[in-house]
N, C-alpha and C. Protein backbone atom coordinates (compact mmCIF):
# COMPACT_ATOMS: atom_id res chain seq x y z
N MET A 1 43.16 16.85 -11.43
CA MET A 1 41.78 16.80 -11.87
C MET A 1 41.75 16.59 -13.38
N ARG A 2 40.73 15.89 -13.81
CA ARG A 2 40.61 15.55 -15.22
C ARG A 2 39.24 15.96 -15.73
N LYS A 3 39.14 16.00 -17.05
CA LYS A 3 37.87 16.30 -17.70
C LYS A 3 36.87 15.19 -17.36
N GLY A 4 35.66 15.58 -16.97
CA GLY A 4 34.63 14.61 -16.62
C GLY A 4 34.54 14.30 -15.14
N ASP A 5 35.47 14.80 -14.33
CA ASP A 5 35.42 14.57 -12.88
C ASP A 5 34.31 15.39 -12.25
N LYS A 6 33.68 14.83 -11.21
CA LYS A 6 32.70 15.57 -10.42
C LYS A 6 33.47 16.34 -9.36
N VAL A 7 33.19 17.65 -9.25
CA VAL A 7 33.88 18.48 -8.27
C VAL A 7 32.86 19.30 -7.49
N ILE A 8 33.30 19.81 -6.35
CA ILE A 8 32.52 20.74 -5.55
C ILE A 8 33.35 22.00 -5.40
N ILE A 9 32.71 23.16 -5.54
CA ILE A 9 33.40 24.44 -5.41
C ILE A 9 33.53 24.75 -3.92
N ILE A 10 34.75 25.02 -3.43
CA ILE A 10 34.97 25.21 -2.00
C ILE A 10 35.14 26.67 -1.60
N SER A 11 35.28 27.59 -2.58
CA SER A 11 35.35 29.01 -2.23
C SER A 11 34.89 29.85 -3.40
N GLY A 12 34.51 31.09 -3.09
CA GLY A 12 34.03 32.00 -4.12
C GLY A 12 32.52 32.13 -4.10
N LYS A 13 31.98 32.79 -5.13
CA LYS A 13 30.54 33.07 -5.15
C LYS A 13 29.68 31.83 -5.34
N ASP A 14 30.23 30.76 -5.90
CA ASP A 14 29.48 29.52 -6.12
C ASP A 14 29.86 28.43 -5.11
N LYS A 15 30.24 28.82 -3.91
CA LYS A 15 30.66 27.86 -2.89
C LYS A 15 29.56 26.84 -2.63
N GLY A 16 29.93 25.55 -2.65
CA GLY A 16 28.97 24.48 -2.41
C GLY A 16 28.36 23.90 -3.67
N PHE A 17 28.63 24.51 -4.83
CA PHE A 17 28.07 24.04 -6.10
C PHE A 17 28.78 22.77 -6.55
N LYS A 18 28.00 21.77 -6.98
CA LYS A 18 28.57 20.52 -7.49
C LYS A 18 28.37 20.46 -8.99
N GLY A 19 29.40 20.12 -9.74
CA GLY A 19 29.31 20.04 -11.18
C GLY A 19 30.42 19.20 -11.78
N GLU A 20 30.39 19.11 -13.10
CA GLU A 20 31.35 18.29 -13.83
C GLU A 20 32.34 19.19 -14.56
N ILE A 21 33.59 18.78 -14.60
CA ILE A 21 34.63 19.55 -15.29
C ILE A 21 34.45 19.38 -16.79
N ILE A 22 34.38 20.52 -17.50
CA ILE A 22 34.24 20.52 -18.96
C ILE A 22 35.60 20.60 -19.63
N GLN A 23 36.46 21.45 -19.07
CA GLN A 23 37.76 21.71 -19.69
C GLN A 23 38.81 21.98 -18.62
N VAL A 24 40.04 21.56 -18.89
CA VAL A 24 41.16 21.77 -17.97
C VAL A 24 42.27 22.51 -18.69
N ASP A 25 42.78 23.59 -18.08
CA ASP A 25 43.91 24.34 -18.62
C ASP A 25 45.08 24.13 -17.67
N ILE A 26 45.98 23.22 -18.01
CA ILE A 26 47.08 22.84 -17.13
C ILE A 26 48.08 23.99 -16.95
N LYS A 27 48.36 24.70 -18.02
CA LYS A 27 49.37 25.78 -17.99
C LYS A 27 48.98 26.88 -17.00
N ASN A 28 47.72 27.30 -17.02
CA ASN A 28 47.25 28.39 -16.15
C ASN A 28 46.58 27.89 -14.88
N GLN A 29 46.56 26.58 -14.65
CA GLN A 29 45.95 25.94 -13.48
C GLN A 29 44.50 26.37 -13.30
N ARG A 30 43.72 26.25 -14.37
CA ARG A 30 42.30 26.64 -14.35
C ARG A 30 41.44 25.48 -14.82
N VAL A 31 40.22 25.43 -14.32
CA VAL A 31 39.23 24.45 -14.78
C VAL A 31 37.92 25.17 -15.07
N ILE A 32 37.15 24.62 -16.01
CA ILE A 32 35.82 25.14 -16.30
C ILE A 32 34.83 24.09 -15.83
N VAL A 33 33.97 24.48 -14.88
CA VAL A 33 32.97 23.58 -14.31
C VAL A 33 31.61 23.95 -14.90
N ASP A 34 30.89 22.94 -15.38
CA ASP A 34 29.59 23.15 -16.00
C ASP A 34 28.59 23.75 -15.00
N GLY A 35 28.11 24.96 -15.30
CA GLY A 35 27.11 25.63 -14.47
C GLY A 35 27.68 26.50 -13.36
N ALA A 36 28.98 26.53 -13.16
CA ALA A 36 29.59 27.34 -12.11
C ALA A 36 30.29 28.56 -12.71
N ASN A 37 30.34 29.65 -11.95
CA ASN A 37 31.00 30.89 -12.35
C ASN A 37 30.47 31.38 -13.70
N LEU A 38 29.16 31.49 -13.81
CA LEU A 38 28.54 31.90 -15.08
C LEU A 38 28.74 33.39 -15.32
N ILE A 39 29.11 33.74 -16.56
CA ILE A 39 29.24 35.13 -16.97
C ILE A 39 28.33 35.36 -18.17
N LYS A 40 27.99 36.62 -18.40
CA LYS A 40 27.16 36.96 -19.56
C LYS A 40 28.06 37.55 -20.63
N LYS A 41 27.99 36.97 -21.82
CA LYS A 41 28.78 37.45 -22.95
C LYS A 41 27.82 38.04 -23.98
N HIS A 42 28.14 39.23 -24.46
CA HIS A 42 27.30 39.90 -25.45
C HIS A 42 27.76 39.50 -26.85
N MET A 43 26.85 38.94 -27.61
CA MET A 43 27.14 38.50 -28.97
C MET A 43 26.53 39.48 -29.96
N LYS A 44 27.34 39.89 -30.91
CA LYS A 44 26.89 40.80 -31.95
C LYS A 44 26.10 40.02 -33.00
N SER A 45 25.18 40.71 -33.67
CA SER A 45 24.42 40.03 -34.72
C SER A 45 25.33 39.72 -35.90
N GLY A 46 25.15 38.55 -36.51
CA GLY A 46 25.99 38.14 -37.62
C GLY A 46 25.44 38.58 -38.96
N LYS A 47 24.12 38.57 -39.08
CA LYS A 47 23.47 38.93 -40.33
C LYS A 47 22.55 40.12 -40.10
N LYS A 48 21.97 40.66 -41.17
CA LYS A 48 21.10 41.83 -41.05
C LYS A 48 19.84 41.55 -40.24
N ASN A 49 19.22 40.40 -40.47
CA ASN A 49 17.95 40.11 -39.83
C ASN A 49 18.08 39.52 -38.42
N GLU A 50 19.29 39.17 -38.00
CA GLU A 50 19.50 38.61 -36.67
C GLU A 50 19.61 39.71 -35.63
N LYS A 51 19.26 39.37 -34.39
CA LYS A 51 19.42 40.30 -33.28
C LYS A 51 20.64 39.89 -32.47
N GLY A 52 21.22 40.86 -31.81
CA GLY A 52 22.31 40.54 -30.88
C GLY A 52 21.71 39.87 -29.66
N GLN A 53 22.53 39.17 -28.90
CA GLN A 53 22.02 38.47 -27.73
C GLN A 53 23.05 38.37 -26.63
N ARG A 54 22.57 38.05 -25.43
CA ARG A 54 23.45 37.81 -24.29
C ARG A 54 23.44 36.32 -24.00
N ILE A 55 24.63 35.75 -23.91
CA ILE A 55 24.76 34.31 -23.67
C ILE A 55 25.43 34.10 -22.31
N GLU A 56 24.85 33.21 -21.51
CA GLU A 56 25.49 32.83 -20.25
C GLU A 56 26.41 31.66 -20.51
N MET A 57 27.65 31.80 -20.08
CA MET A 57 28.62 30.73 -20.28
C MET A 57 29.53 30.62 -19.05
N PRO A 58 30.02 29.42 -18.74
CA PRO A 58 30.89 29.26 -17.57
C PRO A 58 32.29 29.82 -17.84
N ALA A 59 32.84 30.50 -16.84
CA ALA A 59 34.19 31.05 -16.92
C ALA A 59 35.12 30.15 -16.10
N PRO A 60 36.42 30.17 -16.40
CA PRO A 60 37.35 29.32 -15.66
C PRO A 60 37.55 29.78 -14.22
N ILE A 61 37.80 28.82 -13.34
CA ILE A 61 38.15 29.10 -11.94
C ILE A 61 39.47 28.39 -11.63
N HIS A 62 40.14 28.84 -10.59
CA HIS A 62 41.42 28.25 -10.23
C HIS A 62 41.20 26.86 -9.64
N VAL A 63 42.16 25.99 -9.87
CA VAL A 63 42.08 24.60 -9.42
C VAL A 63 41.94 24.51 -7.90
N SER A 64 42.56 25.44 -7.18
CA SER A 64 42.52 25.40 -5.72
C SER A 64 41.13 25.69 -5.16
N ASN A 65 40.23 26.24 -5.97
CA ASN A 65 38.87 26.55 -5.52
C ASN A 65 37.90 25.40 -5.78
N ALA A 66 38.37 24.30 -6.35
CA ALA A 66 37.53 23.14 -6.61
C ALA A 66 38.17 21.91 -5.97
N MET A 67 37.30 20.99 -5.53
CA MET A 67 37.78 19.78 -4.89
C MET A 67 37.01 18.59 -5.43
N LEU A 68 37.68 17.45 -5.59
CA LEU A 68 37.01 16.25 -6.07
C LEU A 68 35.85 15.89 -5.15
N TYR A 69 34.74 15.44 -5.74
CA TYR A 69 33.54 15.10 -4.99
C TYR A 69 33.35 13.59 -4.97
N CYS A 70 33.21 13.04 -3.77
CA CYS A 70 32.97 11.60 -3.61
C CYS A 70 31.48 11.38 -3.41
N GLU A 71 30.89 10.54 -4.27
CA GLU A 71 29.45 10.25 -4.20
C GLU A 71 29.10 9.53 -2.90
N LYS A 72 29.96 8.63 -2.46
CA LYS A 72 29.69 7.84 -1.26
C LYS A 72 29.77 8.68 0.02
N CYS A 73 30.83 9.51 0.13
CA CYS A 73 30.99 10.38 1.31
C CYS A 73 30.01 11.55 1.27
N GLY A 74 29.74 12.04 0.07
CA GLY A 74 28.84 13.19 -0.09
C GLY A 74 29.50 14.52 0.18
N LYS A 75 30.83 14.57 0.06
CA LYS A 75 31.55 15.83 0.25
C LYS A 75 32.85 15.83 -0.53
N GLY A 76 33.55 16.96 -0.49
CA GLY A 76 34.82 17.10 -1.18
C GLY A 76 35.90 16.30 -0.47
N VAL A 77 36.73 15.61 -1.26
CA VAL A 77 37.76 14.75 -0.68
C VAL A 77 39.07 14.88 -1.44
N LYS A 78 40.14 14.41 -0.81
CA LYS A 78 41.42 14.29 -1.49
C LYS A 78 41.49 12.91 -2.10
N ALA A 79 42.29 12.77 -3.13
CA ALA A 79 42.40 11.48 -3.81
C ALA A 79 43.78 10.88 -3.59
N SER A 80 43.81 9.56 -3.50
CA SER A 80 45.08 8.85 -3.47
C SER A 80 45.04 7.82 -4.59
N PHE A 81 46.16 7.18 -4.84
CA PHE A 81 46.25 6.21 -5.93
C PHE A 81 46.41 4.81 -5.37
N LYS A 82 45.85 3.86 -6.11
CA LYS A 82 45.90 2.47 -5.71
C LYS A 82 46.16 1.64 -6.96
N ALA A 83 47.00 0.62 -6.83
CA ALA A 83 47.29 -0.26 -7.96
C ALA A 83 46.22 -1.33 -8.04
N LYS A 84 45.71 -1.56 -9.23
CA LYS A 84 44.67 -2.56 -9.45
C LYS A 84 45.14 -3.51 -10.54
N LYS A 85 44.98 -4.79 -10.32
CA LYS A 85 45.40 -5.77 -11.33
C LYS A 85 44.37 -5.81 -12.44
N ASP A 86 44.87 -5.86 -13.66
CA ASP A 86 44.00 -5.94 -14.83
C ASP A 86 43.70 -7.41 -15.11
N GLY A 87 42.42 -7.75 -15.27
CA GLY A 87 42.02 -9.13 -15.48
C GLY A 87 42.38 -9.66 -16.86
N GLU A 88 42.40 -8.80 -17.87
CA GLU A 88 42.67 -9.25 -19.24
C GLU A 88 44.14 -9.58 -19.47
N ALA A 89 45.02 -8.66 -19.14
CA ALA A 89 46.45 -8.88 -19.37
C ALA A 89 47.10 -9.29 -18.05
N ALA A 90 47.66 -10.46 -18.02
CA ALA A 90 48.27 -10.99 -16.80
C ALA A 90 49.51 -10.19 -16.43
N GLY A 91 49.61 -9.85 -15.16
CA GLY A 91 50.78 -9.14 -14.68
C GLY A 91 50.73 -7.63 -14.86
N LYS A 92 49.73 -7.10 -15.55
CA LYS A 92 49.64 -5.65 -15.75
C LYS A 92 48.88 -5.02 -14.59
N ARG A 93 49.36 -3.88 -14.14
CA ARG A 93 48.69 -3.15 -13.06
C ARG A 93 48.23 -1.80 -13.58
N ILE A 94 47.06 -1.41 -13.13
CA ILE A 94 46.49 -0.11 -13.51
C ILE A 94 46.40 0.75 -12.26
N LYS A 95 46.78 2.02 -12.40
CA LYS A 95 46.72 2.96 -11.29
C LYS A 95 45.34 3.63 -11.30
N ILE A 96 44.58 3.51 -10.21
CA ILE A 96 43.26 4.15 -10.13
C ILE A 96 43.25 5.13 -8.96
N ARG A 97 42.35 6.12 -9.04
CA ARG A 97 42.20 7.10 -7.97
C ARG A 97 41.12 6.63 -7.01
N VAL A 98 41.41 6.75 -5.71
CA VAL A 98 40.45 6.38 -4.69
C VAL A 98 40.31 7.50 -3.67
N CYS A 99 39.15 7.55 -3.02
CA CYS A 99 38.88 8.53 -1.96
C CYS A 99 39.72 8.16 -0.75
N LYS A 100 40.37 9.16 -0.12
CA LYS A 100 41.21 8.89 1.04
C LYS A 100 40.39 8.51 2.27
N LYS A 101 39.13 8.94 2.34
CA LYS A 101 38.31 8.67 3.52
C LYS A 101 37.65 7.30 3.47
N CYS A 102 36.93 7.02 2.36
CA CYS A 102 36.14 5.78 2.31
C CYS A 102 36.75 4.72 1.39
N LYS A 103 37.86 5.01 0.75
CA LYS A 103 38.56 4.09 -0.16
C LYS A 103 37.71 3.67 -1.35
N ASN A 104 36.71 4.48 -1.70
CA ASN A 104 35.85 4.23 -2.85
C ASN A 104 36.52 4.74 -4.12
N GLU A 105 36.37 4.01 -5.23
CA GLU A 105 36.97 4.42 -6.50
C GLU A 105 36.28 5.68 -7.03
N ILE A 106 37.09 6.65 -7.45
CA ILE A 106 36.56 7.91 -7.98
C ILE A 106 36.46 7.81 -9.49
């Protein structure tokens, strides 16, 4: 999974939620999905006249709890790779991800 991918949450409290990946942590196998797994963080006031506040922010979830979302199929899918010829540079091939069910480019 990469930053900017559309995913669907397949387990946990936000099961069925569709969102975009904001950040990927490869070492800990975690992703942060925009709008999913929201937590409240208490922020202290910085200056005398400011008030403290509670901020809702997304927390990381494990990669196994999210699945790539295919717009055409309308559900979570596995991805496979396909070689595509590049029109600009002759003989160069680009590897793209495609949906295993409908063969649509992800």
